[in-house]
Amino acid sequence: MDHCSDEERLSRREAAERLTDIAYGLTSGGPIELRIDGRSLKLPVGDDLVLKRESTSNEGRTRLELELSWSTALVSNAPSPKPPRG
């Protein structure tokens, strides 16, 4: 089991750019590419995802957590595309 964790302070624009990178990976059908804990990771993504959203506010501070999860079994067992015959 792999576990990576990272935290960085960002402007609104930088946070939007990080989320846009993730959204692009999801819509492209390829892996999501992330830099976490100083490492570059390519995460294969399945077609059926679960999105969990959680928000808490207290003492003038708001926290929004977004969690995506999916089965990698379907991704890793998918057949490789066959080259065209010619």
Protein backbone atom coordinates (compact mmCIF):
# COMPACT_ATOMS: atom_id res chain seq x y z
CA MET A 1 0.00 0.00 0.00
CA ASP A 2 1.38 3.39 -1.02
CA HIS A 3 0.65 6.56 0.89
CA CYS A 4 1.75 10.08 -0.03
CA SER A 5 0.75 13.27 1.67
CA ASP A 6 1.55 16.87 0.89
CA GLU A 7 0.40 20.31 1.98
CA GLU A 8 1.21 23.67 0.44
CA ARG A 9 0.01 27.23 0.88
CA LEU A 10 -1.54 28.55 -2.35
CA SER A 11 -3.30 31.57 -3.77
CA ARG A 12 -6.85 31.11 -5.07
CA ARG A 13 -5.46 31.01 -8.61
CA GLU A 14 -2.83 28.39 -7.78
CA ALA A 15 -5.43 26.22 -6.05
CA ALA A 16 -7.66 26.49 -9.14
CA GLU A 17 -4.72 25.46 -11.34
CA ARG A 18 -4.10 22.34 -9.22
CA LEU A 19 -7.79 21.40 -9.47
CA THR A 20 -7.78 22.09 -13.22
CA ASP A 21 -4.83 19.72 -13.66
CA ILE A 22 -6.79 16.99 -11.89
CA ALA A 23 -9.93 17.73 -13.94
CA TYR A 24 -7.89 17.53 -17.16
CA GLY A 25 -6.54 14.11 -16.15
CA LEU A 26 -10.08 12.90 -15.49
CA THR A 27 -11.51 14.17 -18.78
CA SER A 28 -8.55 13.05 -20.93
CA GLY A 29 -9.03 9.40 -20.01
CA GLY A 30 -5.37 9.08 -19.10
CA PRO A 31 -3.72 9.01 -15.71
CA ILE A 32 -3.78 11.92 -13.29
CA GLU A 33 -0.30 13.39 -12.91
CA LEU A 34 0.53 14.88 -9.49
CA ARG A 35 3.53 16.04 -7.53
CA ILE A 36 3.15 14.86 -3.95
CA ASP A 37 5.78 14.82 -1.24
CA GLY A 38 8.43 15.81 -3.78
CA ARG A 39 7.61 12.87 -6.08
CA SER A 40 5.94 12.89 -9.47
CA LEU A 41 3.07 10.39 -9.56
CA LYS A 42 0.92 9.09 -12.40
CA LEU A 43 -2.29 7.62 -11.05
CA PRO A 44 -4.35 5.45 -13.42
CA VAL A 45 -8.04 6.30 -13.06
CA GLY A 46 -11.05 4.03 -13.54
CA ASP A 47 -14.31 5.08 -15.16
CA ASP A 48 -16.45 4.77 -12.00
CA LEU A 49 -15.41 7.22 -9.27
CA VAL A 50 -16.78 8.19 -5.87
CA LEU A 51 -16.58 11.87 -4.87
CA LYS A 52 -16.83 12.67 -1.17
CA ARG A 53 -17.24 16.31 -0.08
CA GLU A 54 -16.95 17.56 3.49
CA SER A 55 -16.99 21.09 4.84
CA THR A 56 -16.42 22.39 8.36
CA SER A 57 -16.17 25.91 9.74
CA ASN A 58 -15.08 27.13 13.16
CA GLU A 59 -13.21 30.04 14.69
CA GLY A 60 -13.09 31.99 11.42
CA ARG A 61 -11.50 29.14 9.47
CA THR A 62 -13.21 26.99 6.81
CA ARG A 63 -12.07 23.58 5.65
CA LEU A 64 -13.22 21.89 2.44
CA GLU A 65 -12.15 18.31 1.82
CA LEU A 66 -12.62 16.65 -1.55
CA GLU A 67 -11.86 12.96 -1.82
CA LEU A 68 -11.92 10.93 -5.03
CA SER A 69 -11.70 7.16 -4.96
CA TRP A 70 -11.96 4.41 -7.55
CA SER A 71 -11.06 0.80 -8.12
CA THR A 72 -7.66 0.26 -9.68
CA ALA A 73 -8.45 -3.39 -10.33
CA LEU A 74 -10.51 -2.44 -13.39
CA VAL A 75 -7.84 -0.04 -14.63
CA SER A 76 -4.90 -2.44 -14.35
CA ASN A 77 -6.84 -5.38 -15.85
CA ALA A 78 -8.07 -3.46 -18.88
CA PRO A 79 -6.84 -4.94 -22.15
CA SER A 80 -4.20 -2.97 -24.03
CA PRO A 81 -5.39 -1.38 -27.25
CA LYS A 82 -4.50 -3.48 -30.30
CA PRO A 83 -2.45 -1.82 -33.02
CA PRO A 84 -4.29 -1.29 -36.30
CA ARG A 85 -3.78 -3.87 -39.00
CA GLY A 86 -2.38 -2.61 -42.21
